[in-house]
PDB file of N, CA and C in Angstrom:
ATOM      1  N   MET A   1     -14.486 -23.683   7.945  1.00  0.00           N
ATOM      2  CA  MET A   1     -13.677 -22.553   7.706  1.00  0.00           C
ATOM      3  C   MET A   1     -13.007 -21.946   8.549  1.00  0.00           C
ATOM      4  N   LEU A   2     -11.846 -21.748   8.579  1.00  0.00           N
ATOM      5  CA  LEU A   2     -11.163 -21.259   9.741  1.00  0.00           C
ATOM      6  C   LEU A   2     -10.844 -19.641   9.450  1.00  0.00           C
ATOM      7  N   ARG A   3     -10.793 -19.142   8.820  1.00  0.00           N
ATOM      8  CA  ARG A   3     -10.939 -17.882   8.441  1.00  0.00           C
ATOM      9  C   ARG A   3     -11.543 -17.108   7.182  1.00  0.00           C
ATOM     10  N   ALA A   4     -12.421 -16.001   7.517  1.00  0.00           N
ATOM     11  CA  ALA A   4     -13.129 -15.551   6.597  1.00  0.00           C
ATOM     12  C   ALA A   4     -13.008 -14.260   6.723  1.00  0.00           C
ATOM     13  N   ARG A   5     -13.187 -13.372   5.785  1.00  0.00           N
ATOM     14  CA  ARG A   5     -13.306 -12.096   5.822  1.00  0.00           C
ATOM     15  C   ARG A   5     -14.349 -11.576   4.960  1.00  0.00           C
ATOM     16  N   SER A   6     -15.204 -10.667   5.244  1.00  0.00           N
ATOM     17  CA  SER A   6     -16.267 -10.044   4.621  1.00  0.00           C
ATOM     18  C   SER A   6     -16.404  -8.621   4.735  1.00  0.00           C
ATOM     19  N   PRO A   7     -16.142  -7.672   3.762  1.00  0.00           N
ATOM     20  CA  PRO A   7     -15.670  -6.259   4.187  1.00  0.00           C
ATOM     21  C   PRO A   7     -17.223  -5.655   4.447  1.00  0.00           C
ATOM     22  N   THR A   8     -17.346  -4.653   5.209  1.00  0.00           N
ATOM     23  CA  THR A   8     -18.383  -3.870   5.359  1.00  0.00           C
ATOM     24  C   THR A   8     -18.713  -3.174   4.190  1.00  0.00           C
ATOM     25  N   THR A   9     -20.007  -3.468   3.840  1.00  0.00           N
ATOM     26  CA  THR A   9     -20.633  -2.408   2.814  1.00  0.00           C
ATOM     27  C   THR A   9     -21.701  -1.772   3.147  1.00  0.00           C
ATOM     28  N   GLY A  10     -21.905  -0.681   2.529  1.00  0.00           N
ATOM     29  CA  GLY A  10     -23.045   0.481   3.155  1.00  0.00           C
ATOM     30  C   GLY A  10     -22.924   0.592   4.487  1.00  0.00           C
ATOM     31  N   ILE A  11     -24.233   1.255   4.848  1.00  0.00           N
ATOM     32  CA  ILE A  11     -23.861   1.779   6.622  1.00  0.00           C
ATOM     33  C   ILE A  11     -25.264   0.943   6.866  1.00  0.00           C
ATOM     34  N   SER A  12     -24.900   0.766   8.109  1.00  0.00           N
ATOM     35  CA  SER A  12     -25.702   0.012   9.518  1.00  0.00           C
ATOM     36  C   SER A  12     -25.607   0.624  10.604  1.00  0.00           C
ATOM     37  N   GLU A  13     -27.074   1.166  11.135  1.00  0.00           N
ATOM     38  CA  GLU A  13     -27.136   1.784  11.985  1.00  0.00           C
ATOM     39  C   GLU A  13     -27.860   1.531  13.181  1.00  0.00           C
ATOM     40  N   ILE A  14     -27.899   1.519  14.671  1.00  0.00           N
ATOM     41  CA  ILE A  14     -28.571   0.851  15.805  1.00  0.00           C
ATOM     42  C   ILE A  14     -28.716   2.257  16.733  1.00  0.00           C
ATOM     43  N   GLU A  15     -30.130   2.247  17.144  1.00  0.00           N
ATOM     44  CA  GLU A  15     -30.322   3.112  18.114  1.00  0.00           C
ATOM     45  C   GLU A  15     -30.432   2.510  19.150  1.00  0.00           C
ATOM     46  N   PHE A  16     -29.926   2.847  20.168  1.00  0.00           N
ATOM     47  CA  PHE A  16     -30.669   2.329  21.677  1.00  0.00           C
ATOM     48  C   PHE A  16     -30.459   3.521  22.820  1.00  0.00           C
ATOM     49  N   LEU A  17     -31.011   3.217  24.020  1.00  0.00           N
ATOM     50  CA  LEU A  17     -30.825   4.199  25.149  1.00  0.00           C
ATOM     51  C   LEU A  17     -29.910   3.719  26.104  1.00  0.00           C
ATOM     52  N   TYR A  18     -29.320   4.647  26.580  1.00  0.00           N
ATOM     53  CA  TYR A  18     -28.181   4.180  27.647  1.00  0.00           C
ATOM     54  C   TYR A  18     -28.507   5.449  28.745  1.00  0.00           C
ATOM     55  N   GLY A  19     -29.169   4.900  29.669  1.00  0.00           N
ATOM     56  CA  GLY A  19     -29.806   5.938  30.874  1.00  0.00           C
ATOM     57  C   GLY A  19     -30.773   6.794  30.222  1.00  0.00           C
ATOM     58  N   ASN A  20     -30.223   8.176  30.291  1.00  0.00           N
ATOM     59  CA  ASN A  20     -30.985   9.437  29.648  1.00  0.00           C
ATOM     60  C   ASN A  20     -30.605   9.885  28.271  1.00  0.00           C
ATOM     61  N   TYR A  21     -29.540   8.893  27.760  1.00  0.00           N
ATOM     62  CA  TYR A  21     -29.194   9.231  26.523  1.00  0.00           C
ATOM     63  C   TYR A  21     -29.626   8.262  25.489  1.00  0.00           C
ATOM     64  N   ASN A  22     -30.020   8.710  24.423  1.00  0.00           N
ATOM     65  CA  ASN A  22     -30.392   8.096  23.147  1.00  0.00           C
ATOM     66  C   ASN A  22     -29.295   8.220  22.129  1.00  0.00           C
ATOM     67  N   LEU A  23     -28.475   6.858  21.933  1.00  0.00           N
ATOM     68  CA  LEU A  23     -27.354   6.905  21.120  1.00  0.00           C
ATOM     69  C   LEU A  23     -27.675   6.147  20.003  1.00  0.00           C
ATOM     70  N   ARG A  24     -26.820   6.607  18.913  1.00  0.00           N
ATOM     71  CA  ARG A  24     -26.935   5.709  17.691  1.00  0.00           C
ATOM     72  C   ARG A  24     -25.421   5.057  17.114  1.00  0.00           C
ATOM     73  N   MET A  25     -25.416   4.106  16.955  1.00  0.00           N
ATOM     74  CA  MET A  25     -24.328   3.615  16.685  1.00  0.00           C
ATOM     75  C   MET A  25     -24.256   3.380  15.033  1.00  0.00           C
ATOM     76  N   VAL A  26     -23.261   3.759  14.441  1.00  0.00           N
ATOM     77  CA  VAL A  26     -23.088   3.780  12.920  1.00  0.00           C
ATOM     78  C   VAL A  26     -21.862   2.827  12.351  1.00  0.00           C
ATOM     79  N   ASP A  27     -22.179   1.865  11.661  1.00  0.00           N
ATOM     80  CA  ASP A  27     -20.979   0.932  11.433  1.00  0.00           C
ATOM     81  C   ASP A  27     -20.977   1.755   9.626  1.00  0.00           C
ATOM     82  N   VAL A  28     -19.713   1.769   9.267  1.00  0.00           N
ATOM     83  CA  VAL A  28     -19.732   2.428   7.830  1.00  0.00           C
ATOM     84  C   VAL A  28     -18.559   1.433   7.184  1.00  0.00           C
ATOM     85  N   GLY A  29     -18.615   1.103   5.995  1.00  0.00           N
ATOM     86  CA  GLY A  29     -17.642   0.421   5.232  1.00  0.00           C
ATOM     87  C   GLY A  29     -16.521   1.483   5.278  1.00  0.00           C
ATOM     88  N   GLY A  30     -15.244   0.463   5.100  1.00  0.00           N
ATOM     89  CA  GLY A  30     -13.922   1.342   5.246  1.00  0.00           C
ATOM     90  C   GLY A  30     -13.354   1.506   3.826  1.00  0.00           C
ATOM     91  N   GLN A  31     -13.661   0.800   2.754  1.00  0.00           N
ATOM     92  CA  GLN A  31     -13.127   0.777   1.623  1.00  0.00           C
ATOM     93  C   GLN A  31     -13.408   2.149   0.969  1.00  0.00           C
ATOM     94  N   ARG A  32     -12.406   2.674   0.394  1.00  0.00           N
ATOM     95  CA  ARG A  32     -12.473   3.864  -0.294  1.00  0.00           C
ATOM     96  C   ARG A  32     -13.728   4.341  -1.209  1.00  0.00           C
ATOM     97  N   THR A  33     -14.191   3.397  -1.667  1.00  0.00           N
ATOM     98  CA  THR A  33     -15.699   3.585  -2.536  1.00  0.00           C
ATOM     99  C   THR A  33     -16.662   3.830  -1.490  1.00  0.00           C
ATOM    100  N   GLU A  34     -16.742   3.267  -0.165  1.00  0.00           N
ATOM    101  CA  GLU A  34     -17.741   3.578   0.631  1.00  0.00           C
ATOM    102  C   GLU A  34     -17.395   5.038   1.461  1.00  0.00           C
ATOM    103  N   GLN A  35     -16.248   5.230   1.447  1.00  0.00           N
ATOM    104  CA  GLN A  35     -16.260   6.618   2.291  1.00  0.00           C
ATOM    105  C   GLN A  35     -16.819   7.718   1.844  1.00  0.00           C
ATOM    106  N   ARG A  36     -17.362   7.948   0.606  1.00  0.00           N
ATOM    107  CA  ARG A  36     -17.952   9.069   0.226  1.00  0.00           C
ATOM    108  C   ARG A  36     -19.401   9.065   0.928  1.00  0.00           C
ATOM    109  N   LYS A  37     -19.858   8.126   1.365  1.00  0.00           N
ATOM    110  CA  LYS A  37     -20.829   8.024   1.892  1.00  0.00           C
ATOM    111  C   LYS A  37     -21.010   8.285   3.519  1.00  0.00           C
ATOM    112  N   TRP A  38     -20.007   8.401   4.146  1.00  0.00           N
ATOM    113  CA  TRP A  38     -19.720   8.835   5.585  1.00  0.00           C
ATOM    114  C   TRP A  38     -20.441  10.179   5.872  1.00  0.00           C
ATOM    115  N   ILE A  39     -20.370  11.320   4.902  1.00  0.00           N
ATOM    116  CA  ILE A  39     -20.648  12.585   5.497  1.00  0.00           C
ATOM    117  C   ILE A  39     -22.212  12.705   5.845  1.00  0.00           C
ATOM    118  N   HIS A  40     -22.998  11.739   5.327  1.00  0.00           N
ATOM    119  CA  HIS A  40     -24.159  11.787   5.688  1.00  0.00           C
ATOM    120  C   HIS A  40     -24.291  11.107   7.048  1.00  0.00           C
ATOM    121  N   CYS A  41     -23.692  10.631   7.703  1.00  0.00           N
ATOM    122  CA  CYS A  41     -23.570  10.068   9.113  1.00  0.00           C
ATOM    123  C   CYS A  41     -23.313  10.975  10.013  1.00  0.00           C
ATOM    124  N   PHE A  42     -23.018  12.452   9.940  1.00  0.00           N
ATOM    125  CA  PHE A  42     -22.669  13.238  10.637  1.00  0.00           C
ATOM    126  C   PHE A  42     -23.360  14.504  11.165  1.00  0.00           C
ATOM    127  N   ASP A  43     -24.903  14.289  10.505  1.00  0.00           N
ATOM    128  CA  ASP A  43     -25.720  15.297  10.809  1.00  0.00           C
ATOM    129  C   ASP A  43     -26.145  15.250  12.666  1.00  0.00           C
ATOM    130  N   ASN A  44     -26.125  16.217  13.316  1.00  0.00           N
ATOM    131  CA  ASN A  44     -26.396  16.622  14.558  1.00  0.00           C
ATOM    132  C   ASN A  44     -25.659  15.242  15.635  1.00  0.00           C
ATOM    133  N   VAL A  45     -24.120  15.317  15.124  1.00  0.00           N
ATOM    134  CA  VAL A  45     -23.363  14.360  15.903  1.00  0.00           C
ATOM    135  C   VAL A  45     -22.524  15.303  17.062  1.00  0.00           C
ATOM    136  N   ASN A  46     -22.709  14.735  18.167  1.00  0.00           N
ATOM    137  CA  ASN A  46     -21.712  15.254  19.217  1.00  0.00           C
ATOM    138  C   ASN A  46     -20.433  14.733  19.731  1.00  0.00           C
ATOM    139  N   GLY A  47     -20.249  13.772  19.269  1.00  0.00           N
ATOM    140  CA  GLY A  47     -18.983  12.894  19.329  1.00  0.00           C
ATOM    141  C   GLY A  47     -18.855  11.613  18.272  1.00  0.00           C
ATOM    142  N   ILE A  48     -17.672  11.390  18.305  1.00  0.00           N
ATOM    143  CA  ILE A  48     -17.188  10.132  17.255  1.00  0.00           C
ATOM    144  C   ILE A  48     -16.394   9.188  18.067  1.00  0.00           C
ATOM    145  N   LEU A  49     -16.316   7.788  18.007  1.00  0.00           N
ATOM    146  CA  LEU A  49     -15.870   6.888  18.325  1.00  0.00           C
ATOM    147  C   LEU A  49     -15.280   5.919  17.222  1.00  0.00           C
ATOM    148  N   PHE A  50     -13.779   6.107  16.952  1.00  0.00           N
ATOM    149  CA  PHE A  50     -13.400   5.095  16.003  1.00  0.00           C
ATOM    150  C   PHE A  50     -12.954   3.834  16.743  1.00  0.00           C
ATOM    151  N   ILE A  51     -13.380   2.954  15.734  1.00  0.00           N
ATOM    152  CA  ILE A  51     -13.093   1.493  16.448  1.00  0.00           C
ATOM    153  C   ILE A  51     -12.311   0.573  15.178  1.00  0.00           C
ATOM    154  N   ALA A  52     -10.825   0.484  15.576  1.00  0.00           N
ATOM    155  CA  ALA A  52     -10.237  -0.441  14.721  1.00  0.00           C
ATOM    156  C   ALA A  52      -9.730  -1.568  15.318  1.00  0.00           C
ATOM    157  N   GLU A  53      -9.540  -2.531  14.572  1.00  0.00           N
ATOM    158  CA  GLU A  53      -8.718  -3.906  15.109  1.00  0.00           C
ATOM    159  C   GLU A  53      -7.493  -3.861  14.959  1.00  0.00           C
ATOM    160  N   LEU A  54      -6.642  -4.218  16.597  1.00  0.00           N
ATOM    161  CA  LEU A  54      -5.241  -4.193  16.571  1.00  0.00           C
ATOM    162  C   LEU A  54      -4.811  -5.346  15.892  1.00  0.00           C
ATOM    163  N   SER A  55      -5.161  -6.554  15.271  1.00  0.00           N
ATOM    164  CA  SER A  55      -4.456  -7.294  14.484  1.00  0.00           C
ATOM    165  C   SER A  55      -4.141  -6.708  13.128  1.00  0.00           C
ATOM    166  N   GLY A  56      -4.939  -5.799  12.552  1.00  0.00           N
ATOM    167  CA  GLY A  56      -4.557  -5.116  11.417  1.00  0.00           C
ATOM    168  C   GLY A  56      -3.581  -4.190  11.061  1.00  0.00           C
ATOM    169  N   TYR A  57      -2.852  -3.831  12.257  1.00  0.00           N
ATOM    170  CA  TYR A  57      -1.765  -2.870  11.862  1.00  0.00           C
ATOM    171  C   TYR A  57      -0.833  -3.310  10.778  1.00  0.00           C
ATOM    172  N   ASN A  58      -0.639  -4.360  10.614  1.00  0.00           N
ATOM    173  CA  ASN A  58       0.419  -4.679   9.441  1.00  0.00           C
ATOM    174  C   ASN A  58      -0.089  -5.427   8.432  1.00  0.00           C
ATOM    175  N   GLN A  59      -1.392  -5.267   8.122  1.00  0.00           N
ATOM    176  CA  GLN A  59      -1.970  -5.904   7.218  1.00  0.00           C
ATOM    177  C   GLN A  59      -1.844  -4.971   5.765  1.00  0.00           C
ATOM    178  N   VAL A  60      -1.924  -5.634   4.660  1.00  0.00           N
ATOM    179  CA  VAL A  60      -1.933  -4.607   3.336  1.00  0.00           C
ATOM    180  C   VAL A  60      -3.251  -4.522   2.874  1.00  0.00           C
ATOM    181  N   LEU A  61      -3.705  -3.362   2.329  1.00  0.00           N
ATOM    182  CA  LEU A  61      -5.078  -3.085   1.747  1.00  0.00           C
ATOM    183  C   LEU A  61      -5.415  -4.076   0.574  1.00  0.00           C
ATOM    184  N   ASP A  62      -6.595  -4.196   0.544  1.00  0.00           N
ATOM    185  CA  ASP A  62      -6.929  -5.079  -0.355  1.00  0.00           C
ATOM    186  C   ASP A  62      -6.387  -4.976  -2.094  1.00  0.00           C
ATOM    187  N   ASP A  63      -6.074  -3.677  -2.129  1.00  0.00           N
ATOM    188  CA  ASP A  63      -5.454  -3.278  -3.567  1.00  0.00           C
ATOM    189  C   ASP A  63      -3.888  -3.754  -3.513  1.00  0.00           C
ATOM    190  N   GLY A  64      -3.416  -3.778  -2.579  1.00  0.00           N
ATOM    191  CA  GLY A  64      -2.069  -4.161  -2.121  1.00  0.00           C
ATOM    192  C   GLY A  64      -0.942  -3.113  -2.417  1.00  0.00           C
ATOM    193  N   SER A  65      -1.512  -1.753  -2.298  1.00  0.00           N
ATOM    194  CA  SER A  65      -0.734  -0.720  -2.398  1.00  0.00           C
ATOM    195  C   SER A  65       0.125  -0.271  -1.283  1.00  0.00           C
ATOM    196  N   HIS A  66      -0.511  -0.597  -0.211  1.00  0.00           N
ATOM    197  CA  HIS A  66       0.091  -0.325   1.098  1.00  0.00           C
ATOM    198  C   HIS A  66      -0.373  -0.719   2.353  1.00  0.00           C
ATOM    199  N   LYS A  67       0.302  -0.746   3.591  1.00  0.00           N
ATOM    200  CA  LYS A  67      -0.285  -1.037   4.775  1.00  0.00           C
ATOM    201  C   LYS A  67      -1.427  -0.114   5.279  1.00  0.00           C
ATOM    202  N   MET A  68      -2.359  -0.992   6.070  1.00  0.00           N
ATOM    203  CA  MET A  68      -3.458  -0.140   6.318  1.00  0.00           C
ATOM    204  C   MET A  68      -3.218   0.813   7.762  1.00  0.00           C
ATOM    205  N   VAL A  69      -2.006   0.937   8.151  1.00  0.00           N
ATOM    206  CA  VAL A  69      -1.581   1.910   9.257  1.00  0.00           C
ATOM    207  C   VAL A  69      -1.463   3.092   8.404  1.00  0.00           C
ATOM    208  N   ASN A  70      -0.808   2.978   7.471  1.00  0.00           N
ATOM    209  CA  ASN A  70      -0.263   4.285   6.691  1.00  0.00           C
ATOM    210  C   ASN A  70      -1.343   4.911   6.151  1.00  0.00           C
ATOM    211  N   ASP A  71      -2.430   4.058   6.066  1.00  0.00           N
ATOM    212  CA  ASP A  71      -3.703   4.822   5.160  1.00  0.00           C
ATOM    213  C   ASP A  71      -4.252   6.079   5.772  1.00  0.00           C
TER     214      ASP A  71
END
């Protein structure tokens, strides 16, 4: 299989220590149906880092409505 895509579903969390800092990384699903679950990830948050793939700038959403960059 050369190309495969598996959308993130649900919420995955990883906690780790970095020096004196206790960090928690949370991977949340990006589909609209998953977005309502995000609010529960923001308790006691001091900062947020958004990570997005550069190769997806011109890709169309799964429902075909419009490009991801405009969403």
